[in-house]
Amino acid sequence: MYFLYVDESGDTGLEGSPTKYFCLSGLVFHELRWHETLEAVIDFRRYLKKIYGLKLREEIHAAHYIHKPGELSRIAKSMRFKMLREIIDFQSKLPDVSILNVVVDKTNKCLTDVFSR
């Protein structure tokens, strides 16, 4: 069996939506790698806390690192960029983990397009 963790960006709205795109991204890994993968993530989060002061339970959203820092404004922008790069590098090096992405350009879409497929 495989596990899939999925998160979305944007919204599904077609009219009056503030976003042009709706995106889904997921991490896929085999159940036998669950414990090892979780331990790697926990260790990496501890590293981020020690080096950058990122709280263990703070969510990681690229927008917060780039242009809407909110509570992350306590960390200098240059350090947020460096941290984001380390996060991306970490994810790319996880053994036996696949990354899936689906991007829908909502321009010129209508509900009949969605339900006719």
N, C-alpha and C. Protein backbone atom coordinates (compact mmCIF):
# COMPACT_ATOMS: atom_id res chain seq x y z
N MET A 1 0.84 -1.16 0.00
CA MET A 1 0.00 0.00 0.00
C MET A 1 0.90 1.24 0.00
N TYR A 2 0.42 2.29 -0.63
CA TYR A 2 1.14 3.56 -0.67
C TYR A 2 0.34 4.63 0.06
N PHE A 3 1.05 5.53 0.71
CA PHE A 3 0.44 6.69 1.34
C PHE A 3 0.61 7.88 0.41
N LEU A 4 -0.39 8.74 0.40
CA LEU A 4 -0.35 9.97 -0.39
C LEU A 4 -0.78 11.12 0.50
N TYR A 5 0.12 12.08 0.71
CA TYR A 5 -0.22 13.30 1.43
C TYR A 5 -0.41 14.38 0.38
N VAL A 6 -1.59 15.02 0.38
CA VAL A 6 -1.93 16.02 -0.64
C VAL A 6 -2.26 17.34 0.04
N ASP A 7 -1.83 18.42 -0.59
CA ASP A 7 -2.20 19.76 -0.14
C ASP A 7 -2.56 20.56 -1.38
N GLU A 8 -3.41 21.56 -1.20
CA GLU A 8 -3.86 22.36 -2.33
C GLU A 8 -3.37 23.80 -2.22
N SER A 9 -3.39 24.46 -3.36
CA SER A 9 -3.08 25.88 -3.42
C SER A 9 -4.08 26.51 -4.37
N GLY A 10 -4.52 27.70 -4.03
CA GLY A 10 -5.56 28.32 -4.85
C GLY A 10 -6.92 27.84 -4.37
N ASP A 11 -7.93 28.10 -5.17
CA ASP A 11 -9.26 27.62 -4.81
C ASP A 11 -9.95 27.07 -6.06
N THR A 12 -11.01 26.32 -5.84
CA THR A 12 -11.70 25.66 -6.95
C THR A 12 -12.70 26.55 -7.65
N GLY A 13 -12.94 27.73 -7.12
CA GLY A 13 -13.93 28.62 -7.70
C GLY A 13 -13.59 29.03 -9.13
N LEU A 14 -14.65 29.13 -9.96
CA LEU A 14 -14.46 29.54 -11.35
C LEU A 14 -14.90 30.98 -11.57
N GLU A 15 -15.84 31.47 -10.77
CA GLU A 15 -16.33 32.85 -10.90
C GLU A 15 -16.00 33.63 -9.64
N GLY A 16 -15.45 34.81 -9.83
CA GLY A 16 -15.11 35.65 -8.68
C GLY A 16 -13.96 35.11 -7.85
N SER A 17 -13.19 34.21 -8.39
CA SER A 17 -12.08 33.62 -7.65
C SER A 17 -10.86 34.55 -7.70
N PRO A 18 -10.13 34.64 -6.59
CA PRO A 18 -8.92 35.46 -6.59
C PRO A 18 -7.71 34.77 -7.24
N THR A 19 -7.86 33.49 -7.62
CA THR A 19 -6.73 32.77 -8.18
C THR A 19 -7.02 32.29 -9.60
N LYS A 20 -6.00 32.35 -10.45
CA LYS A 20 -6.11 31.88 -11.83
C LYS A 20 -5.89 30.37 -11.91
N TYR A 21 -5.17 29.83 -10.93
CA TYR A 21 -4.81 28.41 -10.95
C TYR A 21 -5.33 27.70 -9.70
N PHE A 22 -5.59 26.42 -9.87
CA PHE A 22 -5.84 25.54 -8.73
C PHE A 22 -4.80 24.44 -8.83
N CYS A 23 -4.08 24.20 -7.74
CA CYS A 23 -2.96 23.24 -7.75
C CYS A 23 -3.13 22.22 -6.63
N LEU A 24 -2.74 20.99 -6.95
CA LEU A 24 -2.63 19.93 -5.95
C LEU A 24 -1.22 19.39 -6.02
N SER A 25 -0.61 19.21 -4.87
CA SER A 25 0.72 18.62 -4.80
C SER A 25 0.69 17.51 -3.77
N GLY A 26 1.41 16.44 -4.05
CA GLY A 26 1.39 15.32 -3.14
C GLY A 26 2.72 14.62 -3.02
N LEU A 27 2.93 14.02 -1.86
CA LEU A 27 4.08 13.17 -1.62
C LEU A 27 3.56 11.73 -1.52
N VAL A 28 4.19 10.83 -2.26
CA VAL A 28 3.77 9.42 -2.28
C VAL A 28 4.93 8.56 -1.78
N PHE A 29 4.62 7.65 -0.86
CA PHE A 29 5.64 6.74 -0.38
C PHE A 29 4.99 5.44 0.08
N HIS A 30 5.75 4.37 0.05
CA HIS A 30 5.24 3.06 0.42
C HIS A 30 5.07 2.98 1.93
N GLU A 31 4.08 2.21 2.36
CA GLU A 31 3.81 2.07 3.79
C GLU A 31 5.01 1.57 4.58
N LEU A 32 5.87 0.78 3.95
CA LEU A 32 7.05 0.26 4.65
C LEU A 32 8.09 1.35 4.89
N ARG A 33 7.96 2.50 4.22
CA ARG A 33 8.88 3.62 4.42
C ARG A 33 8.29 4.69 5.33
N TRP A 34 7.07 4.46 5.85
CA TRP A 34 6.37 5.46 6.64
C TRP A 34 7.20 5.92 7.84
N HIS A 35 7.65 5.01 8.66
CA HIS A 35 8.37 5.39 9.88
C HIS A 35 9.67 6.11 9.55
N GLU A 36 10.41 5.59 8.61
CA GLU A 36 11.68 6.21 8.21
C GLU A 36 11.46 7.62 7.65
N THR A 37 10.43 7.77 6.85
CA THR A 37 10.12 9.08 6.26
C THR A 37 9.70 10.07 7.33
N LEU A 38 8.83 9.62 8.24
CA LEU A 38 8.39 10.48 9.33
C LEU A 38 9.56 10.91 10.20
N GLU A 39 10.45 10.01 10.53
CA GLU A 39 11.62 10.34 11.35
C GLU A 39 12.51 11.37 10.64
N ALA A 40 12.68 11.22 9.33
CA ALA A 40 13.48 12.17 8.57
C ALA A 40 12.85 13.56 8.61
N VAL A 41 11.54 13.62 8.49
CA VAL A 41 10.83 14.91 8.52
C VAL A 41 10.96 15.53 9.90
N ILE A 42 10.77 14.75 10.94
CA ILE A 42 10.89 15.28 12.31
C ILE A 42 12.30 15.80 12.56
N ASP A 43 13.31 15.04 12.17
CA ASP A 43 14.70 15.50 12.34
C ASP A 43 14.96 16.79 11.58
N PHE A 44 14.42 16.88 10.37
CA PHE A 44 14.61 18.09 9.56
C PHE A 44 13.90 19.29 10.21
N ARG A 45 12.71 19.06 10.74
CA ARG A 45 11.99 20.15 11.40
C ARG A 45 12.77 20.63 12.64
N ARG A 46 13.38 19.71 13.36
CA ARG A 46 14.22 20.10 14.52
C ARG A 46 15.41 20.94 14.06
N TYR A 47 15.98 20.56 12.94
CA TYR A 47 17.09 21.33 12.36
C TYR A 47 16.62 22.75 12.02
N LEU A 48 15.44 22.88 11.37
CA LEU A 48 14.92 24.20 11.02
C LEU A 48 14.67 25.05 12.26
N LYS A 49 14.22 24.42 13.33
CA LYS A 49 14.00 25.15 14.58
C LYS A 49 15.32 25.65 15.14
N LYS A 50 16.32 24.78 15.16
CA LYS A 50 17.62 25.13 15.73
C LYS A 50 18.31 26.24 14.93
N ILE A 51 18.31 26.12 13.61
CA ILE A 51 19.04 27.06 12.76
C ILE A 51 18.27 28.35 12.50
N TYR A 52 16.95 28.25 12.25
CA TYR A 52 16.18 29.42 11.83
C TYR A 52 15.13 29.88 12.84
N GLY A 53 14.87 29.08 13.86
CA GLY A 53 13.84 29.45 14.82
C GLY A 53 12.43 29.13 14.36
N LEU A 54 12.28 28.26 13.35
CA LEU A 54 10.95 27.86 12.88
C LEU A 54 10.34 26.92 13.91
N LYS A 55 9.15 27.25 14.38
CA LYS A 55 8.49 26.41 15.37
C LYS A 55 8.15 25.05 14.74
N LEU A 56 8.21 24.01 15.54
CA LEU A 56 8.00 22.66 15.02
C LEU A 56 6.63 22.48 14.36
N ARG A 57 5.64 23.14 14.85
CA ARG A 57 4.28 22.96 14.32
C ARG A 57 3.87 24.04 13.32
N GLU A 58 4.76 24.97 13.01
CA GLU A 58 4.42 25.99 12.01
C GLU A 58 4.33 25.35 10.63
N GLU A 59 3.26 25.68 9.92
CA GLU A 59 3.09 25.14 8.58
C GLU A 59 4.09 25.77 7.63
N ILE A 60 4.41 25.03 6.60
CA ILE A 60 5.35 25.51 5.60
C ILE A 60 4.57 25.80 4.32
N HIS A 61 4.39 27.08 4.03
CA HIS A 61 3.72 27.54 2.80
C HIS A 61 4.66 28.52 2.11
N ALA A 62 4.96 28.27 0.87
CA ALA A 62 5.92 29.10 0.14
C ALA A 62 5.55 30.58 0.19
N ALA A 63 4.26 30.90 0.11
CA ALA A 63 3.84 32.32 0.13
C ALA A 63 4.32 33.02 1.39
N HIS A 64 4.33 32.31 2.52
CA HIS A 64 4.77 32.92 3.78
C HIS A 64 6.27 33.21 3.77
N TYR A 65 7.00 32.47 3.00
CA TYR A 65 8.45 32.66 2.93
C TYR A 65 8.82 33.76 1.93
N ILE A 66 7.95 33.98 0.94
CA ILE A 66 8.29 34.90 -0.14
C ILE A 66 7.68 36.28 0.03
N HIS A 67 6.34 36.36 0.16
CA HIS A 67 5.74 37.70 0.16
C HIS A 67 4.63 37.94 1.18
N LYS A 68 4.21 36.93 1.93
CA LYS A 68 3.20 37.12 2.97
C LYS A 68 3.67 36.44 4.25
N PRO A 69 4.70 37.00 4.90
CA PRO A 69 5.34 36.27 6.00
C PRO A 69 4.49 36.12 7.26
N GLY A 70 3.57 37.02 7.50
CA GLY A 70 2.79 36.91 8.74
C GLY A 70 3.72 36.78 9.93
N GLU A 71 3.54 35.72 10.74
CA GLU A 71 4.38 35.50 11.92
C GLU A 71 5.84 35.23 11.56
N LEU A 72 6.09 34.78 10.33
CA LEU A 72 7.47 34.51 9.93
C LEU A 72 8.27 35.79 9.69
N SER A 73 7.62 36.95 9.80
CA SER A 73 8.36 38.21 9.62
C SER A 73 9.46 38.35 10.68
N ARG A 74 9.39 37.55 11.73
CA ARG A 74 10.45 37.56 12.75
C ARG A 74 11.76 37.02 12.19
N ILE A 75 11.69 36.32 11.04
CA ILE A 75 12.87 35.77 10.38
C ILE A 75 13.16 36.63 9.15
N ALA A 76 14.39 37.10 9.01
CA ALA A 76 14.76 37.97 7.89
C ALA A 76 14.40 37.31 6.56
N LYS A 77 13.98 38.12 5.59
CA LYS A 77 13.56 37.61 4.28
C LYS A 77 14.65 36.76 3.63
N SER A 78 15.90 37.20 3.71
CA SER A 78 16.99 36.43 3.10
C SER A 78 17.11 35.05 3.75
N MET A 79 16.86 34.98 5.05
CA MET A 79 16.92 33.69 5.75
C MET A 79 15.71 32.83 5.40
N ARG A 80 14.54 33.46 5.19
CA ARG A 80 13.37 32.69 4.76
C ARG A 80 13.61 32.08 3.39
N PHE A 81 14.25 32.83 2.48
CA PHE A 81 14.57 32.30 1.15
C PHE A 81 15.54 31.12 1.27
N LYS A 82 16.54 31.28 2.12
CA LYS A 82 17.51 30.20 2.32
C LYS A 82 16.82 28.96 2.91
N MET A 83 15.95 29.18 3.87
CA MET A 83 15.23 28.08 4.50
C MET A 83 14.32 27.38 3.48
N LEU A 84 13.62 28.15 2.65
CA LEU A 84 12.75 27.56 1.63
C LEU A 84 13.55 26.70 0.67
N ARG A 85 14.73 27.17 0.30
CA ARG A 85 15.59 26.37 -0.58
C ARG A 85 16.00 25.06 0.10
N GLU A 86 16.32 25.13 1.38
CA GLU A 86 16.69 23.91 2.11
C GLU A 86 15.51 22.94 2.21
N ILE A 87 14.31 23.48 2.38
CA ILE A 87 13.11 22.64 2.45
C ILE A 87 12.90 21.91 1.13
N ILE A 88 13.02 22.63 0.03
CA ILE A 88 12.85 22.02 -1.30
C ILE A 88 13.92 20.96 -1.54
N ASP A 89 15.16 21.27 -1.19
CA ASP A 89 16.25 20.30 -1.35
C ASP A 89 16.00 19.06 -0.50
N PHE A 90 15.53 19.25 0.73
CA PHE A 90 15.24 18.12 1.61
C PHE A 90 14.19 17.21 0.99
N GLN A 91 13.10 17.80 0.52
CA GLN A 91 12.03 17.00 -0.08
C GLN A 91 12.53 16.21 -1.28
N SER A 92 13.36 16.85 -2.09
CA SER A 92 13.83 16.19 -3.31
C SER A 92 14.76 15.01 -3.01
N LYS A 93 15.35 15.00 -1.83
CA LYS A 93 16.31 13.95 -1.48
C LYS A 93 15.71 12.84 -0.60
N LEU A 94 14.44 12.93 -0.28
CA LEU A 94 13.82 11.88 0.52
C LEU A 94 13.86 10.58 -0.29
N PRO A 95 14.39 9.51 0.29
CA PRO A 95 14.49 8.25 -0.46
C PRO A 95 13.11 7.63 -0.70
N ASP A 96 12.91 7.14 -1.91
CA ASP A 96 11.68 6.42 -2.27
C ASP A 96 10.41 7.24 -2.08
N VAL A 97 10.50 8.54 -2.25
CA VAL A 97 9.33 9.41 -2.17
C VAL A 97 9.16 10.08 -3.53
N SER A 98 7.95 10.00 -4.06
CA SER A 98 7.64 10.67 -5.32
C SER A 98 6.82 11.91 -5.04
N ILE A 99 7.02 12.92 -5.86
CA ILE A 99 6.26 14.16 -5.74
C ILE A 99 5.38 14.29 -6.97
N LEU A 100 4.08 14.50 -6.74
CA LEU A 100 3.11 14.67 -7.82
C LEU A 100 2.55 16.08 -7.78
N ASN A 101 2.33 16.66 -8.95
CA ASN A 101 1.72 17.98 -9.03
C ASN A 101 0.68 18.00 -10.13
N VAL A 102 -0.45 18.64 -9.84
CA VAL A 102 -1.50 18.86 -10.82
C VAL A 102 -1.81 20.35 -10.79
N VAL A 103 -1.75 20.99 -11.94
CA VAL A 103 -2.03 22.42 -12.03
C VAL A 103 -3.14 22.62 -13.04
N VAL A 104 -4.22 23.28 -12.62
CA VAL A 104 -5.34 23.57 -13.50
C VAL A 104 -5.40 25.07 -13.72
N ASP A 105 -5.28 25.49 -14.98
CA ASP A 105 -5.47 26.88 -15.35
C ASP A 105 -6.97 27.08 -15.50
N LYS A 106 -7.57 27.85 -14.62
CA LYS A 106 -9.02 28.01 -14.59
C LYS A 106 -9.54 29.00 -15.64
N THR A 107 -8.63 29.64 -16.37
CA THR A 107 -9.04 30.59 -17.38
C THR A 107 -9.92 29.91 -18.42
N ASN A 108 -11.03 30.53 -18.75
CA ASN A 108 -11.97 30.04 -19.77
C ASN A 108 -12.57 28.68 -19.43
N LYS A 109 -12.57 28.28 -18.18
CA LYS A 109 -13.23 27.05 -17.75
C LYS A 109 -14.64 27.40 -17.28
N CYS A 110 -15.53 26.45 -17.41
CA CYS A 110 -16.87 26.64 -16.86
C CYS A 110 -17.31 25.31 -16.25
N LEU A 111 -18.40 25.33 -15.49
CA LEU A 111 -18.83 24.11 -14.81
C LEU A 111 -19.14 22.98 -15.77
N THR A 112 -19.61 23.27 -16.98
CA THR A 112 -19.88 22.19 -17.92
C THR A 112 -18.59 21.49 -18.34
N ASP A 113 -17.48 22.25 -18.39
CA ASP A 113 -16.18 21.62 -18.69
C ASP A 113 -15.80 20.63 -17.60
N VAL A 114 -16.06 21.00 -16.36
CA VAL A 114 -15.66 20.18 -15.23
C VAL A 114 -16.47 18.89 -15.19
N PHE A 115 -17.79 18.99 -15.42
CA PHE A 115 -18.66 17.82 -15.26
C PHE A 115 -18.82 17.00 -16.52
N SER A 116 -18.32 17.46 -17.65
CA SER A 116 -18.49 16.71 -18.90
C SER A 116 -17.39 15.69 -19.12
N ARG A 117 -16.39 15.67 -18.27
CA ARG A 117 -15.27 14.73 -18.48
C ARG A 117 -15.47 13.45 -17.77
